[in-house]
Structures are given as C-alpha cells and as structure tokens.
Amino acid sequence: MQVLALKKMIEYQDSSVVSKEIIKKETGTVTLFAFGEKQGLSEHTAPFDALVNVIDGQAEVIISGKPFIVKEGEMIIMPANEPHAIQAKKRFKMLLVLVKK
C-alpha cells in the first residue's frame, strides 16, 4: 500500500489523450486521463454510471446535449445509457470511475 499523488501519475502529451488504468475489476474501473488542448472523447454511451473527477485544469462534459464546465476539484456523474462526450478547451486531467451494475 502507498499514498499516490494523482496529478503526478500521468503526464500530458501534446495533441493526445493519455490514459492509465489504476484499478480493473468486474465491478468497475478507475482510470486516469490527461487531455491535450482541444482533445476529447467523442459522444458515446456506456451501460454503467461514470464519475468524472477533474484533478487539473477544466473540462467541458456534455451529457445528453447539455454542456457542463467541470473545474479542478469538481466532479460530475454521467448516468448510464445517456450520450456523453468530453472536450478539452485547455488541457486537463481527470479520474474516471466506472461503476458496473
């Protein structure tokens, strides 16, 4: 066991989205992401609730067509089966927690 500094566990790469899986279990996953400026994840759905916790910068999270700005220290829940997308206006890092039903 150890204490981990999330911001230091993943680095930015220009013009890229970088991910690092921390936990992978049948009941869910925990993944770190670092988004370069203007990078994103296109609209999609997932069969599980997903919690996005921004750990650096800010993100635009779009859920069912409605945009939300989520800043460092804030989080948002993307409900299962609802279309969602994530865009980086500026670079940011997030922790994504997927909870399987």
C-alpha atoms as a PDB file:
ATOM      1  CA  MET A   1       0.000   0.000   0.000  1.00  0.00           C
ATOM      2  CA  GLN A   2       1.070   3.540  -0.676  1.00  0.00           C
ATOM      3  CA  VAL A   3      -0.209   7.092  -0.936  1.00  0.00           C
ATOM      4  CA  LEU A   4      -0.382   8.254  -4.557  1.00  0.00           C
ATOM      5  CA  ALA A   5      -0.374  11.792  -5.994  1.00  0.00           C
ATOM      6  CA  LEU A   6      -2.891  11.606  -8.858  1.00  0.00           C
ATOM      7  CA  LYS A   7      -1.620  14.660 -10.753  1.00  0.00           C
ATOM      8  CA  LYS A   8       1.887  13.188 -10.886  1.00  0.00           C
ATOM      9  CA  MET A   9       0.803   9.714 -12.012  1.00  0.00           C
ATOM     10  CA  ILE A  10       0.113  10.795 -15.613  1.00  0.00           C
ATOM     11  CA  GLU A  11       1.731  13.358 -17.902  1.00  0.00           C
ATOM     12  CA  TYR A  12       0.334  15.481 -20.713  1.00  0.00           C
ATOM     13  CA  GLN A  13       1.261  14.780 -24.327  1.00  0.00           C
ATOM     14  CA  ASP A  14       0.516  17.489 -26.883  1.00  0.00           C
ATOM     15  CA  SER A  15      -2.340  16.694 -29.261  1.00  0.00           C
ATOM     16  CA  SER A  16      -3.147  13.458 -27.414  1.00  0.00           C
ATOM     17  CA  VAL A  17      -5.361  11.822 -24.834  1.00  0.00           C
ATOM     18  CA  VAL A  18      -3.307   9.678 -22.464  1.00  0.00           C
ATOM     19  CA  SER A  19      -4.893   7.121 -20.128  1.00  0.00           C
ATOM     20  CA  LYS A  20      -3.605   4.962 -17.300  1.00  0.00           C
ATOM     21  CA  GLU A  21      -5.756   2.268 -15.726  1.00  0.00           C
ATOM     22  CA  ILE A  22      -5.348   2.128 -11.937  1.00  0.00           C
ATOM     23  CA  ILE A  23      -7.973  -0.474 -10.995  1.00  0.00           C
ATOM     24  CA  LYS A  24      -9.739  -3.012 -13.200  1.00  0.00           C
ATOM     25  CA  LYS A  25     -12.272  -5.321 -11.600  1.00  0.00           C
ATOM     26  CA  GLU A  26     -15.517  -6.984 -12.627  1.00  0.00           C
ATOM     27  CA  THR A  27     -17.375  -4.391 -10.547  1.00  0.00           C
ATOM     28  CA  GLY A  28     -15.746  -1.360 -12.169  1.00  0.00           C
ATOM     29  CA  THR A  29     -12.643   0.526 -13.216  1.00  0.00           C
ATOM     30  CA  VAL A  30     -10.640   3.565 -12.149  1.00  0.00           C
ATOM     31  CA  THR A  31      -8.661   5.299 -14.911  1.00  0.00           C
ATOM     32  CA  LEU A  32      -6.571   8.470 -15.064  1.00  0.00           C
ATOM     33  CA  PHE A  33      -6.700  10.612 -18.206  1.00  0.00           C
ATOM     34  CA  ALA A  34      -4.625  13.562 -19.412  1.00  0.00           C
ATOM     35  CA  PHE A  35      -6.147  15.512 -22.316  1.00  0.00           C
ATOM     36  CA  GLY A  36      -4.071  17.779 -24.510  1.00  0.00           C
ATOM     37  CA  GLU A  37      -5.599  21.099 -25.578  1.00  0.00           C
ATOM     38  CA  LYS A  38      -8.584  20.664 -27.954  1.00  0.00           C
ATOM     39  CA  GLN A  39      -8.564  16.878 -27.475  1.00  0.00           C
ATOM     40  CA  GLY A  40     -11.591  14.880 -26.374  1.00  0.00           C
ATOM     41  CA  LEU A  41     -13.706  11.780 -26.360  1.00  0.00           C
ATOM     42  CA  SER A  42     -16.490  11.799 -28.950  1.00  0.00           C
ATOM     43  CA  GLU A  43     -20.115  11.241 -27.999  1.00  0.00           C
ATOM     44  CA  HIS A  44     -20.894   7.709 -26.876  1.00  0.00           C
ATOM     45  CA  THR A  45     -22.940   5.828 -24.287  1.00  0.00           C
ATOM     46  CA  ALA A  46     -21.918   3.397 -21.585  1.00  0.00           C
ATOM     47  CA  PRO A  47     -24.044   0.832 -19.752  1.00  0.00           C
ATOM     48  CA  PHE A  48     -22.621   1.998 -16.405  1.00  0.00           C
ATOM     49  CA  ASP A  49     -22.673   5.171 -14.311  1.00  0.00           C
ATOM     50  CA  ALA A  50     -19.399   7.078 -14.643  1.00  0.00           C
ATOM     51  CA  LEU A  51     -17.955   9.631 -12.232  1.00  0.00           C
ATOM     52  CA  VAL A  52     -15.586  12.237 -13.688  1.00  0.00           C
ATOM     53  CA  ASN A  53     -13.360  13.984 -11.127  1.00  0.00           C
ATOM     54  CA  VAL A  54     -11.232  16.792 -12.613  1.00  0.00           C
ATOM     55  CA  ILE A  55      -7.837  16.849 -10.892  1.00  0.00           C
ATOM     56  CA  ASP A  56      -6.151  19.536 -13.026  1.00  0.00           C
ATOM     57  CA  GLY A  57      -7.500  22.253 -15.322  1.00  0.00           C
ATOM     58  CA  GLN A  58     -11.093  22.156 -16.520  1.00  0.00           C
ATOM     59  CA  ALA A  59     -13.219  20.104 -18.880  1.00  0.00           C
ATOM     60  CA  GLU A  60     -16.375  20.529 -20.890  1.00  0.00           C
ATOM     61  CA  VAL A  61     -18.568  17.488 -20.249  1.00  0.00           C
ATOM     62  CA  ILE A  62     -21.634  17.168 -22.478  1.00  0.00           C
ATOM     63  CA  ILE A  63     -24.412  14.892 -21.214  1.00  0.00           C
ATOM     64  CA  SER A  64     -27.484  14.357 -23.419  1.00  0.00           C
ATOM     65  CA  GLY A  65     -26.587  17.512 -25.355  1.00  0.00           C
ATOM     66  CA  LYS A  66     -26.231  19.723 -22.262  1.00  0.00           C
ATOM     67  CA  PRO A  67     -22.730  21.174 -21.651  1.00  0.00           C
ATOM     68  CA  PHE A  68     -21.190  21.418 -18.178  1.00  0.00           C
ATOM     69  CA  ILE A  69     -17.881  23.060 -17.237  1.00  0.00           C
ATOM     70  CA  VAL A  70     -16.142  20.978 -14.561  1.00  0.00           C
ATOM     71  CA  LYS A  71     -13.083  22.518 -12.871  1.00  0.00           C
ATOM     72  CA  GLU A  72     -10.225  21.179 -10.782  1.00  0.00           C
ATOM     73  CA  GLY A  73     -11.626  19.790  -7.531  1.00  0.00           C
ATOM     74  CA  GLU A  74     -15.110  19.284  -9.006  1.00  0.00           C
ATOM     75  CA  MET A  75     -16.849  16.180 -10.288  1.00  0.00           C
ATOM     76  CA  ILE A  76     -19.874  15.196 -12.340  1.00  0.00           C
ATOM     77  CA  ILE A  77     -21.734  11.916 -12.754  1.00  0.00           C
ATOM     78  CA  MET A  78     -22.554  10.727 -16.248  1.00  0.00           C
ATOM     79  CA  PRO A  79     -25.616   8.450 -15.928  1.00  0.00           C
ATOM     80  CA  ALA A  80     -25.654   5.035 -17.557  1.00  0.00           C
ATOM     81  CA  ASN A  81     -27.030   4.866 -21.110  1.00  0.00           C
ATOM     82  CA  GLU A  82     -27.051   8.668 -21.615  1.00  0.00           C
ATOM     83  CA  PRO A  83     -24.979  10.016 -24.515  1.00  0.00           C
ATOM     84  CA  HIS A  84     -21.945  11.945 -23.314  1.00  0.00           C
ATOM     85  CA  ALA A  85     -18.723  13.481 -24.621  1.00  0.00           C
ATOM     86  CA  ILE A  86     -15.709  15.238 -23.106  1.00  0.00           C
ATOM     87  CA  GLN A  87     -13.765  18.127 -24.626  1.00  0.00           C
ATOM     88  CA  ALA A  88     -10.621  19.943 -23.517  1.00  0.00           C
ATOM     89  CA  LYS A  89     -10.764  23.683 -24.228  1.00  0.00           C
ATOM     90  CA  LYS A  90      -7.397  23.731 -22.440  1.00  0.00           C
ATOM     91  CA  ARG A  91      -5.501  20.705 -21.227  1.00  0.00           C
ATOM     92  CA  PHE A  92      -6.822  18.892 -18.155  1.00  0.00           C
ATOM     93  CA  LYS A  93      -6.525  15.703 -16.139  1.00  0.00           C
ATOM     94  CA  MET A  94      -9.369  13.609 -14.775  1.00  0.00           C
ATOM     95  CA  LEU A  95     -10.003  10.492 -12.774  1.00  0.00           C
ATOM     96  CA  LEU A  96     -12.773   8.362 -14.289  1.00  0.00           C
ATOM     97  CA  VAL A  97     -14.585   5.868 -12.064  1.00  0.00           C
ATOM     98  CA  LEU A  98     -16.923   3.392 -13.784  1.00  0.00           C
ATOM     99  CA  VAL A  99     -19.318   1.521 -11.526  1.00  0.00           C
ATOM    100  CA  LYS A 100     -20.773  -1.599 -13.067  1.00  0.00           C
ATOM    101  CA  LYS A 101     -24.256  -2.698 -12.053  1.00  0.00           C
END
